[in-house]
Amino acid sequence: MKAKKDSLIPQSSALLQADIDRLFGQRLTITEDELCQALGISRVYSWMLRRKGKLKFSRQGKNVKFTKAHVLDYLNVCESDAQREVA
């Protein structure tokens, strides 16, 4: 799973912001399927991250939704974890 986690780390904050803006467009939230496709992870891995508290989310009824802040927080955690592993 380490290789999958490393692939989620953005190369630069400008690239990250552009990708996130493109993903969300004018919407306030995205679905779990959209998040998984954008990050290249499975729904099971997404569920694991949510269960461990690493990926914040909200619910609209039974549907899981993610805000831009949720996604950015998760990516920042991935980036700082990777930096700690390198150091």
Protein backbone atom coordinates (compact mmCIF):
# COMPACT_ATOMS: atom_id res chain seq x y z
CA MET A 1 0.00 0.00 0.00
CA LYS A 2 2.96 2.34 0.45
CA ALA A 3 3.38 2.84 -3.31
CA LYS A 4 -0.27 3.79 -3.64
CA LYS A 5 0.05 6.33 -0.82
CA ASP A 6 3.17 7.90 -2.35
CA SER A 7 1.40 8.37 -5.69
CA LEU A 8 -1.19 10.58 -3.99
CA ILE A 9 1.36 13.17 -2.89
CA PRO A 10 1.22 16.30 -5.03
CA GLN A 11 4.36 17.46 -6.84
CA SER A 12 3.72 21.12 -6.01
CA SER A 13 1.10 23.14 -4.21
CA ALA A 14 0.23 25.01 -7.45
CA LEU A 15 -0.46 21.70 -9.19
CA LEU A 16 -2.48 20.52 -6.23
CA GLN A 17 -4.66 23.62 -6.15
CA ALA A 18 -5.27 23.50 -9.90
CA ASP A 19 -6.25 19.82 -9.77
CA ILE A 20 -8.53 20.34 -6.79
CA ASP A 21 -10.20 23.36 -8.41
CA ARG A 22 -10.76 21.37 -11.60
CA LEU A 23 -12.18 18.43 -9.63
CA PHE A 24 -14.67 20.53 -7.69
CA GLY A 25 -15.54 23.16 -10.29
CA GLN A 26 -18.42 25.19 -8.87
CA ARG A 27 -19.64 22.40 -6.56
CA LEU A 28 -19.20 22.43 -2.80
CA THR A 29 -18.87 18.65 -2.43
CA ILE A 30 -17.85 15.60 -4.45
CA THR A 31 -18.98 12.00 -4.15
CA GLU A 32 -16.90 9.10 -2.93
CA ASP A 33 -16.68 7.71 -6.47
CA GLU A 34 -15.33 11.03 -7.78
CA LEU A 35 -12.77 11.20 -4.97
CA CYS A 36 -11.62 7.62 -5.54
CA GLN A 37 -11.24 8.19 -9.27
CA ALA A 38 -9.30 11.44 -8.77
CA LEU A 39 -6.93 9.96 -6.16
CA GLY A 40 -6.62 6.56 -7.81
CA ILE A 41 -7.84 4.64 -4.76
CA SER A 42 -10.56 2.06 -4.26
CA ARG A 43 -13.79 2.56 -2.33
CA VAL A 44 -12.54 0.04 0.23
CA TYR A 45 -9.34 2.06 0.76
CA SER A 46 -11.43 5.23 1.05
CA TRP A 47 -13.61 3.55 3.66
CA MET A 48 -10.49 2.44 5.56
CA LEU A 49 -9.13 5.99 5.57
CA ARG A 50 -12.47 7.35 6.79
CA ARG A 51 -12.73 4.69 9.50
CA LYS A 52 -9.21 5.48 10.76
CA GLY A 53 -10.03 9.20 10.81
CA LYS A 54 -7.42 10.08 8.19
CA LEU A 55 -9.98 11.26 5.63
CA LYS A 56 -12.72 13.56 6.89
CA PHE A 57 -16.15 13.42 5.28
CA SER A 58 -19.77 14.36 5.70
CA ARG A 59 -22.98 12.53 5.01
CA GLN A 60 -26.08 13.54 3.13
CA GLY A 61 -28.44 10.76 4.10
CA LYS A 62 -26.62 7.55 3.18
CA ASN A 63 -24.32 9.31 0.72
CA VAL A 64 -20.72 10.11 1.66
CA LYS A 65 -19.54 13.55 0.50
CA PHE A 66 -16.20 15.33 0.62
CA THR A 67 -15.55 19.07 0.68
CA LYS A 68 -12.48 20.73 -0.78
CA ALA A 69 -11.19 21.20 2.78
CA HIS A 70 -11.53 17.45 3.48
CA VAL A 71 -9.49 16.57 0.39
CA LEU A 72 -6.81 19.20 1.01
CA ASP A 73 -6.45 18.13 4.66
CA TYR A 74 -5.95 14.51 3.61
CA LEU A 75 -3.37 15.40 0.95
CA ASN A 76 -1.48 17.62 3.40
CA VAL A 77 -1.34 14.74 5.89
CA CYS A 78 -0.01 12.44 3.14
CA GLU A 79 2.64 14.99 2.23
CA SER A 80 3.81 15.52 5.82
CA ASP A 81 3.87 11.75 6.48
CA ALA A 82 6.06 11.25 3.41
CA GLN A 83 8.41 14.03 4.49
CA ARG A 84 8.77 12.44 7.93
CA GLU A 85 9.59 9.06 6.33
CA VAL A 86 12.31 10.64 4.17
CA ALA A 87 13.91 12.55 7.06
